[in-house]
C-alpha atoms as a PDB file:
ATOM      1  CA  MET A   1     121.726 113.117 121.172  1.00  0.00           C
ATOM      2  CA  ALA A   2     120.646 113.966 117.740  1.00  0.00           C
ATOM      3  CA  ASP A   3     118.477 116.959 116.927  1.00  0.00           C
ATOM      4  CA  ASN A   4     115.455 116.030 114.622  1.00  0.00           C
ATOM      5  CA  SER A   5     116.804 117.415 111.414  1.00  0.00           C
ATOM      6  CA  LYS A   6     119.805 115.110 111.721  1.00  0.00           C
ATOM      7  CA  LEU A   7     117.464 112.178 112.421  1.00  0.00           C
ATOM      8  CA  GLU A   8     115.260 113.322 109.584  1.00  0.00           C
ATOM      9  CA  GLN A   9     118.424 113.275 107.203  1.00  0.00           C
ATOM     10  CA  ARG A  10     119.284 109.852 108.356  1.00  0.00           C
ATOM     11  CA  ARG A  11     115.725 108.562 107.718  1.00  0.00           C
ATOM     12  CA  ARG A  12     115.412 109.950 104.647  1.00  0.00           C
ATOM     13  CA  ALA A  13     118.646 108.484 103.207  1.00  0.00           C
ATOM     14  CA  ARG A  14     117.877 105.148 104.531  1.00  0.00           C
ATOM     15  CA  VAL A  15     114.700 105.095 102.640  1.00  0.00           C
ATOM     16  CA  ARG A  16     116.154 106.347  99.535  1.00  0.00           C
ATOM     17  CA  ARG A  17     118.783 103.678  99.555  1.00  0.00           C
ATOM     18  CA  GLN A  18     115.670 101.364  99.641  1.00  0.00           C
ATOM     19  CA  ILE A  19     113.938 102.955  96.965  1.00  0.00           C
ATOM     20  CA  ARG A  20     116.840 102.673  94.781  1.00  0.00           C
ATOM     21  CA  LYS A  21     117.296  98.923  95.277  1.00  0.00           C
ATOM     22  CA  SER A  22     113.776  98.511  94.718  1.00  0.00           C
ATOM     23  CA  ALA A  23     112.763 100.968  91.931  1.00  0.00           C
ATOM     24  CA  ASN A  24     113.849  98.382  88.668  1.00  0.00           C
ATOM     25  CA  GLY A  25     112.870 101.873  86.619  1.00  0.00           C
ATOM     26  CA  ARG A  26     109.441 102.274  88.036  1.00  0.00           C
ATOM     27  CA  PRO A  27     108.445 105.731  89.014  1.00  0.00           C
ATOM     28  CA  ARG A  28     108.314 107.018  92.569  1.00  0.00           C
ATOM     29  CA  LEU A  29     105.430 108.408  94.618  1.00  0.00           C
ATOM     30  CA  SER A  30     107.190 111.235  96.757  1.00  0.00           C
ATOM     31  CA  ILE A  31     105.389 112.714  99.423  1.00  0.00           C
ATOM     32  CA  PHE A  32     105.888 115.845 100.971  1.00  0.00           C
ATOM     33  CA  ARG A  33     103.998 116.947 104.348  1.00  0.00           C
ATOM     34  CA  SER A  34     103.762 120.424 105.801  1.00  0.00           C
ATOM     35  CA  ASN A  35     101.451 121.577 108.833  1.00  0.00           C
ATOM     36  CA  LYS A  36      98.896 122.721 106.597  1.00  0.00           C
ATOM     37  CA  TYR A  37      99.124 120.725 103.411  1.00  0.00           C
ATOM     38  CA  ILE A  38     100.072 117.566 102.038  1.00  0.00           C
ATOM     39  CA  TYR A  39     101.620 117.366  98.439  1.00  0.00           C
ATOM     40  CA  ALA A  40     102.310 114.027  96.393  1.00  0.00           C
ATOM     41  CA  GLN A  41     104.203 113.499  93.243  1.00  0.00           C
ATOM     42  CA  VAL A  42     104.734 110.680  90.646  1.00  0.00           C
ATOM     43  CA  ILE A  43     108.253 111.166  89.438  1.00  0.00           C
ATOM     44  CA  ASP A  44     109.926 109.539  86.508  1.00  0.00           C
ATOM     45  CA  ASP A  45     113.648 109.615  87.652  1.00  0.00           C
ATOM     46  CA  LEU A  46     115.167 107.908  84.484  1.00  0.00           C
ATOM     47  CA  ASN A  47     113.624 110.973  82.398  1.00  0.00           C
ATOM     48  CA  GLY A  48     113.855 113.663  85.327  1.00  0.00           C
ATOM     49  CA  LYS A  49     110.374 114.458  84.811  1.00  0.00           C
ATOM     50  CA  THR A  50     107.092 114.536  86.855  1.00  0.00           C
ATOM     51  CA  VAL A  51     104.195 112.263  85.761  1.00  0.00           C
ATOM     52  CA  ALA A  52     101.555 113.503  88.089  1.00  0.00           C
ATOM     53  CA  SER A  53     101.207 115.709  90.983  1.00  0.00           C
ATOM     54  CA  ALA A  54      98.295 116.738  93.156  1.00  0.00           C
ATOM     55  CA  SER A  55      98.023 118.641  96.749  1.00  0.00           C
ATOM     56  CA  SER A  56      95.475 119.641  99.190  1.00  0.00           C
ATOM     57  CA  ARG A  57      95.773 123.283  98.008  1.00  0.00           C
ATOM     58  CA  GLU A  58      93.939 122.409  95.006  1.00  0.00           C
ATOM     59  CA  ASP A  59      90.211 123.398  94.623  1.00  0.00           C
ATOM     60  CA  ALA A  60      89.292 119.936  94.106  1.00  0.00           C
ATOM     61  CA  VAL A  61      90.511 118.640  97.446  1.00  0.00           C
ATOM     62  CA  THR A  62      89.109 119.707 100.686  1.00  0.00           C
ATOM     63  CA  ALA A  63      91.699 121.787 102.045  1.00  0.00           C
ATOM     64  CA  GLY A  64      93.199 121.216 105.519  1.00  0.00           C
ATOM     65  CA  ALA A  65      95.950 118.916 107.317  1.00  0.00           C
ATOM     66  CA  THR A  66      93.257 116.070 107.819  1.00  0.00           C
ATOM     67  CA  ALA A  67      93.589 112.347 106.965  1.00  0.00           C
ATOM     68  CA  ALA A  68      90.395 112.934 104.561  1.00  0.00           C
ATOM     69  CA  ALA A  69      92.414 115.623 102.833  1.00  0.00           C
ATOM     70  CA  ALA A  70      95.310 113.492 102.432  1.00  0.00           C
ATOM     71  CA  ALA A  71      93.243 110.421 101.144  1.00  0.00           C
ATOM     72  CA  ALA A  72      91.440 112.857  98.637  1.00  0.00           C
ATOM     73  CA  VAL A  73      95.264 113.570  97.384  1.00  0.00           C
ATOM     74  CA  GLY A  74      96.049 109.961  97.014  1.00  0.00           C
ATOM     75  CA  LYS A  75      92.920 109.204  94.974  1.00  0.00           C
ATOM     76  CA  LEU A  76      93.751 112.310  92.737  1.00  0.00           C
ATOM     77  CA  VAL A  77      97.173 111.466  92.296  1.00  0.00           C
ATOM     78  CA  ALA A  78      96.631 107.992  91.278  1.00  0.00           C
ATOM     79  CA  GLN A  79      93.960 109.114  88.900  1.00  0.00           C
ATOM     80  CA  ARG A  80      96.460 111.440  86.974  1.00  0.00           C
ATOM     81  CA  ALA A  81      98.678 108.800  87.209  1.00  0.00           C
ATOM     82  CA  THR A  82      97.001 106.357  85.646  1.00  0.00           C
ATOM     83  CA  GLU A  83      95.687 108.664  82.836  1.00  0.00           C
ATOM     84  CA  GLN A  84      99.278 108.933  81.763  1.00  0.00           C
ATOM     85  CA  GLY A  85     100.045 105.098  81.650  1.00  0.00           C
ATOM     86  CA  VAL A  86     101.459 104.758  85.148  1.00  0.00           C
ATOM     87  CA  LYS A  87     100.340 101.576  86.970  1.00  0.00           C
ATOM     88  CA  GLU A  88     103.176 100.652  89.354  1.00  0.00           C
ATOM     89  CA  VAL A  89     105.327 103.043  91.454  1.00  0.00           C
ATOM     90  CA  VAL A  90     107.560 102.948  94.287  1.00  0.00           C
ATOM     91  CA  PHE A  91     106.384 104.644  97.526  1.00  0.00           C
ATOM     92  CA  ASP A  92     108.741 107.327  98.790  1.00  0.00           C
ATOM     93  CA  ARG A  93     107.691 108.516 101.989  1.00  0.00           C
ATOM     94  CA  GLY A  94     110.974 110.265 102.893  1.00  0.00           C
ATOM     95  CA  PRO A  95     111.568 111.521 106.343  1.00  0.00           C
ATOM     96  CA  TYR A  96     107.894 110.865 107.328  1.00  0.00           C
ATOM     97  CA  LEU A  97     106.569 107.704 109.279  1.00  0.00           C
ATOM     98  CA  TYR A  98     103.795 105.544 107.772  1.00  0.00           C
ATOM     99  CA  HIS A  99     101.134 106.635 109.981  1.00  0.00           C
ATOM    100  CA  GLY A 100      98.365 109.266 109.875  1.00  0.00           C
ATOM    101  CA  ARG A 101      98.032 111.479 106.897  1.00  0.00           C
ATOM    102  CA  VAL A 102     100.986 109.663 104.900  1.00  0.00           C
ATOM    103  CA  LYS A 103      99.250 106.092 105.212  1.00  0.00           C
ATOM    104  CA  ALA A 104      95.823 107.766 104.393  1.00  0.00           C
ATOM    105  CA  LEU A 105      97.279 109.256 101.182  1.00  0.00           C
ATOM    106  CA  ALA A 106      99.259 105.724 100.344  1.00  0.00           C
ATOM    107  CA  GLU A 107      95.994 103.585 100.975  1.00  0.00           C
ATOM    108  CA  ALA A 108      93.917 105.941  99.013  1.00  0.00           C
ATOM    109  CA  ALA A 109      96.411 105.816  96.094  1.00  0.00           C
ATOM    110  CA  ARG A 110      96.184 102.145  96.456  1.00  0.00           C
ATOM    111  CA  GLU A 111      92.255 102.056  95.888  1.00  0.00           C
ATOM    112  CA  GLY A 112      92.811 104.520  93.329  1.00  0.00           C
ATOM    113  CA  GLY A 113      94.832 102.136  90.938  1.00  0.00           C
ATOM    114  CA  LEU A 114      98.478 102.567  91.702  1.00  0.00           C
ATOM    115  CA  ALA A 115     100.201  99.351  92.844  1.00  0.00           C
ATOM    116  CA  PHE A 116     103.210  99.390  95.363  1.00  0.00           C
END
């Protein structure tokens, strides 16, 4: 039986492989989730630059590890990305399942104007 870190590495590699296939030059919306906070970045991999970012640690977002905080981060990162001219992204959930806070962030980013 494999331990959790090995499973996460395999899942992350599988997700990253799929992202590379479907990216076609689009930036990616990368998620990092900790026990206390959630972070989102829109990254332009062609230029190696972060276009927009948001986290639940900011004053504009209700702090905490809740779905409401994740949704606020999703809306904020979508707003900042559209201000920079980014409309379409590839969603990079990393090793996290599309459930709970990750799903709330993704749906809020879609409502905020990002297409993926």
